Structure formats: C-alpha cells, structure tokens
Amino acid sequence: MKFEIRDHKDLVQKTIPHFEKFPLISAKQNDKEELIEALKIKI
C-alpha cells in the first residue's frame, strides 16, 4: 500500500486526525508531535 500527501490541507485535515486517533507506538511518536506543532505554527 502506498499513501501520498500532496496538499497541505490533506495533511492537516486527514493525516493528523488519523495519527491522533491511532497514535504511533514507536520512537516516531516524538517526530509526529513535532510535525504537528510545526504545522500549527504555519496555519
């Protein structure tokens, strides 16, 4: 399966809610949290 995000809107409206509902169970959780904070600054 391949999943690509080409639009900032899709990232904010679809991907972030998915990972908030289904958190990562790995070291990547911190990376995801930093990405969300960066996106909030951009918005």
C-alpha atoms as a PDB file:
ATOM      1  CA  MET A   1       0.000   0.000   0.000  1.00  0.00           C
ATOM      2  CA  LYS A   2       1.224   3.480  -0.809  1.00  0.00           C
ATOM      3  CA  PHE A   3      -0.102   6.700   0.655  1.00  0.00           C
ATOM      4  CA  GLU A   4       0.966  10.091  -0.642  1.00  0.00           C
ATOM      5  CA  ILE A   5       0.031  13.511   0.587  1.00  0.00           C
ATOM      6  CA  ARG A   6       0.313  16.273  -1.960  1.00  0.00           C
ATOM      7  CA  ASP A   7      -1.685  19.004  -0.307  1.00  0.00           C
ATOM      8  CA  HIS A   8      -1.161  20.821   2.994  1.00  0.00           C
ATOM      9  CA  LYS A   9      -4.932  20.740   3.560  1.00  0.00           C
ATOM     10  CA  ASP A  10      -4.986  16.921   3.332  1.00  0.00           C
ATOM     11  CA  LEU A  11      -2.126  16.696   5.789  1.00  0.00           C
ATOM     12  CA  VAL A  12      -3.925  18.862   8.319  1.00  0.00           C
ATOM     13  CA  GLN A  13      -7.467  17.552   7.809  1.00  0.00           C
ATOM     14  CA  LYS A  14      -6.866  13.836   7.238  1.00  0.00           C
ATOM     15  CA  THR A  15      -3.452  12.605   8.295  1.00  0.00           C
ATOM     16  CA  ILE A  16      -3.054  14.388  11.612  1.00  0.00           C
ATOM     17  CA  PRO A  17      -6.512  13.348  12.888  1.00  0.00           C
ATOM     18  CA  HIS A  18      -5.692   9.750  11.909  1.00  0.00           C
ATOM     19  CA  PHE A  19      -2.499   9.719  13.972  1.00  0.00           C
ATOM     20  CA  GLU A  20      -4.235  11.432  16.877  1.00  0.00           C
ATOM     21  CA  LYS A  21      -6.849   8.674  16.845  1.00  0.00           C
ATOM     22  CA  PHE A  22      -4.270   5.911  16.286  1.00  0.00           C
ATOM     23  CA  PRO A  23      -1.008   7.025  17.958  1.00  0.00           C
ATOM     24  CA  LEU A  24       2.295   5.575  16.869  1.00  0.00           C
ATOM     25  CA  ILE A  25       3.849   3.049  19.203  1.00  0.00           C
ATOM     26  CA  SER A  26       7.477   3.775  18.454  1.00  0.00           C
ATOM     27  CA  ALA A  27      10.169   6.418  18.635  1.00  0.00           C
ATOM     28  CA  LYS A  28       8.468   8.131  15.694  1.00  0.00           C
ATOM     29  CA  GLN A  29       5.739   9.388  18.045  1.00  0.00           C
ATOM     30  CA  ASN A  30       8.008  12.297  19.047  1.00  0.00           C
ATOM     31  CA  ASP A  31       8.645  13.132  15.383  1.00  0.00           C
ATOM     32  CA  LYS A  32       4.910  13.184  14.739  1.00  0.00           C
ATOM     33  CA  GLU A  33       4.291  15.515  17.654  1.00  0.00           C
ATOM     34  CA  GLU A  34       6.974  17.911  16.405  1.00  0.00           C
ATOM     35  CA  LEU A  35       5.455  17.858  12.916  1.00  0.00           C
ATOM     36  CA  ILE A  36       2.011  18.710  14.297  1.00  0.00           C
ATOM     37  CA  GLU A  37       3.432  21.647  16.271  1.00  0.00           C
ATOM     38  CA  ALA A  38       5.226  22.942  13.156  1.00  0.00           C
ATOM     39  CA  LEU A  39       2.043  22.703  11.117  1.00  0.00           C
ATOM     40  CA  LYS A  40       0.089  24.585  13.769  1.00  0.00           C
ATOM     41  CA  ILE A  41       2.619  27.426  13.529  1.00  0.00           C
ATOM     42  CA  LYS A  42       2.223  27.521   9.744  1.00  0.00           C
ATOM     43  CA  ILE A  43      -1.582  27.646   9.913  1.00  0.00           C
END
